[in-house]
Amino acid sequence: MRSVDIDDSSSLMYMTYFMMDWKKVSQSPSPVRCMSCGGPMMSVEPVRDKKGVVFEGVVCHNCKALLWSRAKPSR
């Protein structure tokens, strides 16, 4: 799994749509639809902090909304 590395996962809480360089972040179509506009969302490449905690994100470029959730641990 390819992932972006960050120092602390709590910093994701403060990252907004405008803080990301969307030309450098890998994205793929997501089955999730935006709750605001109903448009398609894109899955963002996983983000991992120094402790190894992985987060997955989805983005709606139409609404400029970015949501992060902790990935399920692999077994």
N, C-alpha and C. Protein backbone atom coordinates (compact mmCIF):
# COMPACT_ATOMS: atom_id res chain seq x y z
N MET A 1 0.84 -1.17 0.00
CA MET A 1 0.00 0.00 0.00
C MET A 1 0.89 1.24 0.00
N ARG A 2 0.68 2.10 -0.96
CA ARG A 2 1.39 3.37 -1.02
C ARG A 2 0.68 4.35 -0.10
N SER A 3 1.43 5.16 0.62
CA SER A 3 0.77 6.13 1.48
C SER A 3 1.62 7.38 1.64
N VAL A 4 0.96 8.46 1.98
CA VAL A 4 1.61 9.71 2.30
C VAL A 4 1.96 9.65 3.78
N ASP A 5 3.12 10.14 4.18
CA ASP A 5 3.51 10.12 5.58
C ASP A 5 3.33 11.50 6.21
N ILE A 6 2.81 11.52 7.41
CA ILE A 6 2.67 12.75 8.19
C ILE A 6 3.23 12.49 9.58
N ASP A 7 3.53 13.57 10.32
CA ASP A 7 4.09 13.40 11.66
C ASP A 7 3.06 12.90 12.66
N ASP A 8 1.88 13.48 12.65
CA ASP A 8 0.88 13.14 13.66
C ASP A 8 -0.49 13.10 13.02
N SER A 9 -1.20 12.02 13.22
CA SER A 9 -2.51 11.86 12.59
C SER A 9 -3.52 12.91 13.05
N SER A 10 -3.33 13.49 14.22
CA SER A 10 -4.26 14.52 14.68
C SER A 10 -4.21 15.75 13.78
N SER A 11 -3.13 15.93 13.03
CA SER A 11 -3.04 17.08 12.14
C SER A 11 -4.01 16.97 10.97
N LEU A 12 -4.47 15.75 10.65
CA LEU A 12 -5.44 15.57 9.57
C LEU A 12 -6.72 16.34 9.87
N MET A 13 -7.06 16.46 11.13
CA MET A 13 -8.26 17.14 11.54
C MET A 13 -8.28 18.60 11.08
N TYR A 14 -7.10 19.17 10.92
CA TYR A 14 -7.00 20.58 10.55
C TYR A 14 -6.72 20.78 9.07
N MET A 15 -6.47 19.70 8.33
CA MET A 15 -6.20 19.83 6.91
C MET A 15 -7.50 20.10 6.17
N THR A 16 -7.50 21.13 5.36
CA THR A 16 -8.69 21.45 4.58
C THR A 16 -8.41 21.13 3.12
N TYR A 17 -9.42 21.22 2.31
CA TYR A 17 -9.31 20.97 0.89
C TYR A 17 -8.20 21.83 0.27
N PHE A 18 -8.10 23.05 0.72
CA PHE A 18 -7.17 24.01 0.13
C PHE A 18 -5.73 23.82 0.60
N MET A 19 -5.49 22.96 1.58
CA MET A 19 -4.14 22.69 2.07
C MET A 19 -3.48 21.53 1.32
N MET A 20 -4.22 20.86 0.49
CA MET A 20 -3.70 19.70 -0.24
C MET A 20 -3.31 20.13 -1.65
N ASP A 21 -2.24 19.54 -2.17
CA ASP A 21 -1.85 19.74 -3.55
C ASP A 21 -2.46 18.60 -4.34
N TRP A 22 -3.63 18.80 -4.90
CA TRP A 22 -4.40 17.73 -5.51
C TRP A 22 -3.75 17.16 -6.76
N LYS A 23 -2.78 17.86 -7.34
CA LYS A 23 -2.06 17.33 -8.49
C LYS A 23 -1.04 16.27 -8.07
N LYS A 24 -0.66 16.26 -6.80
CA LYS A 24 0.34 15.31 -6.29
C LYS A 24 -0.26 14.16 -5.50
N VAL A 25 -1.54 14.24 -5.17
CA VAL A 25 -2.20 13.22 -4.36
C VAL A 25 -2.93 12.23 -5.28
N SER A 26 -2.60 10.96 -5.13
CA SER A 26 -3.27 9.93 -5.93
C SER A 26 -4.73 9.82 -5.51
N GLN A 27 -5.60 9.68 -6.49
CA GLN A 27 -7.03 9.57 -6.24
C GLN A 27 -7.63 8.53 -7.17
N SER A 28 -8.74 7.97 -6.74
CA SER A 28 -9.47 7.02 -7.57
C SER A 28 -10.96 7.21 -7.30
N PRO A 29 -11.82 6.86 -8.24
CA PRO A 29 -13.26 7.01 -8.03
C PRO A 29 -13.73 6.22 -6.81
N SER A 30 -14.63 6.81 -6.06
CA SER A 30 -15.17 6.18 -4.86
C SER A 30 -16.65 5.85 -5.08
N PRO A 31 -17.14 4.77 -4.48
CA PRO A 31 -18.57 4.47 -4.58
C PRO A 31 -19.41 5.41 -3.72
N VAL A 32 -18.76 6.20 -2.88
CA VAL A 32 -19.45 7.11 -1.96
C VAL A 32 -19.89 8.36 -2.73
N ARG A 33 -21.11 8.82 -2.45
CA ARG A 33 -21.62 10.06 -3.04
C ARG A 33 -21.56 11.15 -1.98
N CYS A 34 -21.35 12.38 -2.39
CA CYS A 34 -21.27 13.52 -1.48
C CYS A 34 -22.62 13.75 -0.81
N MET A 35 -22.62 13.95 0.50
CA MET A 35 -23.87 14.18 1.23
C MET A 35 -24.41 15.58 0.98
N SER A 36 -23.57 16.51 0.54
CA SER A 36 -24.03 17.88 0.30
C SER A 36 -24.63 18.06 -1.10
N CYS A 37 -23.87 17.65 -2.13
CA CYS A 37 -24.32 17.91 -3.50
C CYS A 37 -24.78 16.65 -4.23
N GLY A 38 -24.49 15.46 -3.69
CA GLY A 38 -24.87 14.22 -4.33
C GLY A 38 -23.94 13.79 -5.44
N GLY A 39 -22.89 14.56 -5.66
CA GLY A 39 -21.93 14.26 -6.72
C GLY A 39 -20.97 13.15 -6.33
N PRO A 40 -20.19 12.71 -7.31
CA PRO A 40 -19.22 11.64 -7.03
C PRO A 40 -18.06 12.13 -6.16
N MET A 41 -17.56 11.26 -5.32
CA MET A 41 -16.40 11.58 -4.51
C MET A 41 -15.23 10.74 -5.00
N MET A 42 -14.04 11.18 -4.66
CA MET A 42 -12.82 10.47 -5.03
C MET A 42 -12.16 9.95 -3.76
N SER A 43 -11.66 8.72 -3.80
CA SER A 43 -10.87 8.16 -2.70
C SER A 43 -9.47 8.73 -2.79
N VAL A 44 -8.94 9.16 -1.66
CA VAL A 44 -7.60 9.74 -1.58
C VAL A 44 -6.64 8.65 -1.12
N GLU A 45 -5.40 8.69 -1.62
CA GLU A 45 -4.42 7.69 -1.21
C GLU A 45 -4.29 7.70 0.32
N PRO A 46 -3.98 6.55 0.93
CA PRO A 46 -3.87 6.47 2.39
C PRO A 46 -2.79 7.39 2.95
N VAL A 47 -3.04 7.86 4.16
CA VAL A 47 -2.09 8.70 4.88
C VAL A 47 -1.69 7.95 6.14
N ARG A 48 -0.40 7.89 6.42
CA ARG A 48 0.12 7.15 7.58
C ARG A 48 0.93 8.12 8.45
N ASP A 49 0.73 8.04 9.79
CA ASP A 49 1.54 8.87 10.66
C ASP A 49 2.75 8.08 11.15
N LYS A 50 3.62 8.72 11.93
CA LYS A 50 4.85 8.07 12.37
C LYS A 50 4.61 6.85 13.26
N LYS A 51 3.44 6.79 13.88
CA LYS A 51 3.09 5.65 14.73
C LYS A 51 2.55 4.48 13.91
N GLY A 52 2.35 4.71 12.61
CA GLY A 52 1.84 3.66 11.74
C GLY A 52 0.34 3.64 11.58
N VAL A 53 -0.35 4.62 12.16
CA VAL A 53 -1.80 4.70 12.03
C VAL A 53 -2.13 5.16 10.61
N VAL A 54 -3.02 4.43 9.95
CA VAL A 54 -3.38 4.74 8.57
C VAL A 54 -4.78 5.33 8.51
N PHE A 55 -4.92 6.38 7.71
CA PHE A 55 -6.21 7.03 7.48
C PHE A 55 -6.52 7.03 6.01
N GLU A 56 -7.81 6.85 5.69
CA GLU A 56 -8.29 6.90 4.32
C GLU A 56 -9.15 8.14 4.18
N GLY A 57 -9.11 8.74 3.01
CA GLY A 57 -9.89 9.95 2.80
C GLY A 57 -10.73 9.89 1.55
N VAL A 58 -11.77 10.71 1.54
CA VAL A 58 -12.59 10.93 0.35
C VAL A 58 -12.74 12.43 0.17
N VAL A 59 -12.81 12.86 -1.09
CA VAL A 59 -12.90 14.28 -1.38
C VAL A 59 -13.98 14.52 -2.43
N CYS A 60 -14.71 15.60 -2.26
CA CYS A 60 -15.66 16.08 -3.27
C CYS A 60 -15.07 17.38 -3.80
N HIS A 61 -14.61 17.35 -5.04
CA HIS A 61 -14.01 18.55 -5.62
C HIS A 61 -15.05 19.61 -5.92
N ASN A 62 -16.30 19.20 -6.10
CA ASN A 62 -17.37 20.15 -6.35
C ASN A 62 -17.65 21.02 -5.12
N CYS A 63 -17.75 20.38 -3.94
CA CYS A 63 -18.05 21.08 -2.68
C CYS A 63 -16.78 21.52 -1.94
N LYS A 64 -15.63 21.02 -2.38
CA LYS A 64 -14.36 21.29 -1.71
C LYS A 64 -14.37 20.69 -0.30
N ALA A 65 -14.99 19.51 -0.18
CA ALA A 65 -15.09 18.81 1.11
C ALA A 65 -14.08 17.67 1.15
N LEU A 66 -13.41 17.52 2.28
CA LEU A 66 -12.41 16.48 2.49
C LEU A 66 -12.70 15.79 3.82
N LEU A 67 -12.88 14.47 3.78
CA LEU A 67 -13.20 13.70 4.98
C LEU A 67 -12.17 12.59 5.18
N TRP A 68 -11.71 12.41 6.43
CA TRP A 68 -10.74 11.37 6.75
C TRP A 68 -11.35 10.39 7.74
N SER A 69 -11.02 9.12 7.61
CA SER A 69 -11.44 8.12 8.59
C SER A 69 -10.28 7.15 8.80
N ARG A 70 -10.21 6.63 10.00
CA ARG A 70 -9.14 5.67 10.34
C ARG A 70 -9.39 4.37 9.58
N ALA A 71 -8.35 3.86 8.94
CA ALA A 71 -8.47 2.62 8.17
C ALA A 71 -8.62 1.43 9.11
N LYS A 72 -9.32 0.42 8.64
CA LYS A 72 -9.43 -0.81 9.42
C LYS A 72 -8.06 -1.47 9.49
N PRO A 73 -7.66 -1.94 10.67
CA PRO A 73 -6.37 -2.61 10.78
C PRO A 73 -6.35 -3.88 9.94
N SER A 74 -5.23 -4.13 9.29
CA SER A 74 -5.11 -5.36 8.50
C SER A 74 -4.78 -6.52 9.43
N ARG A 75 -5.27 -7.68 9.10
CA ARG A 75 -5.05 -8.85 9.97
C ARG A 75 -4.03 -9.74 9.40
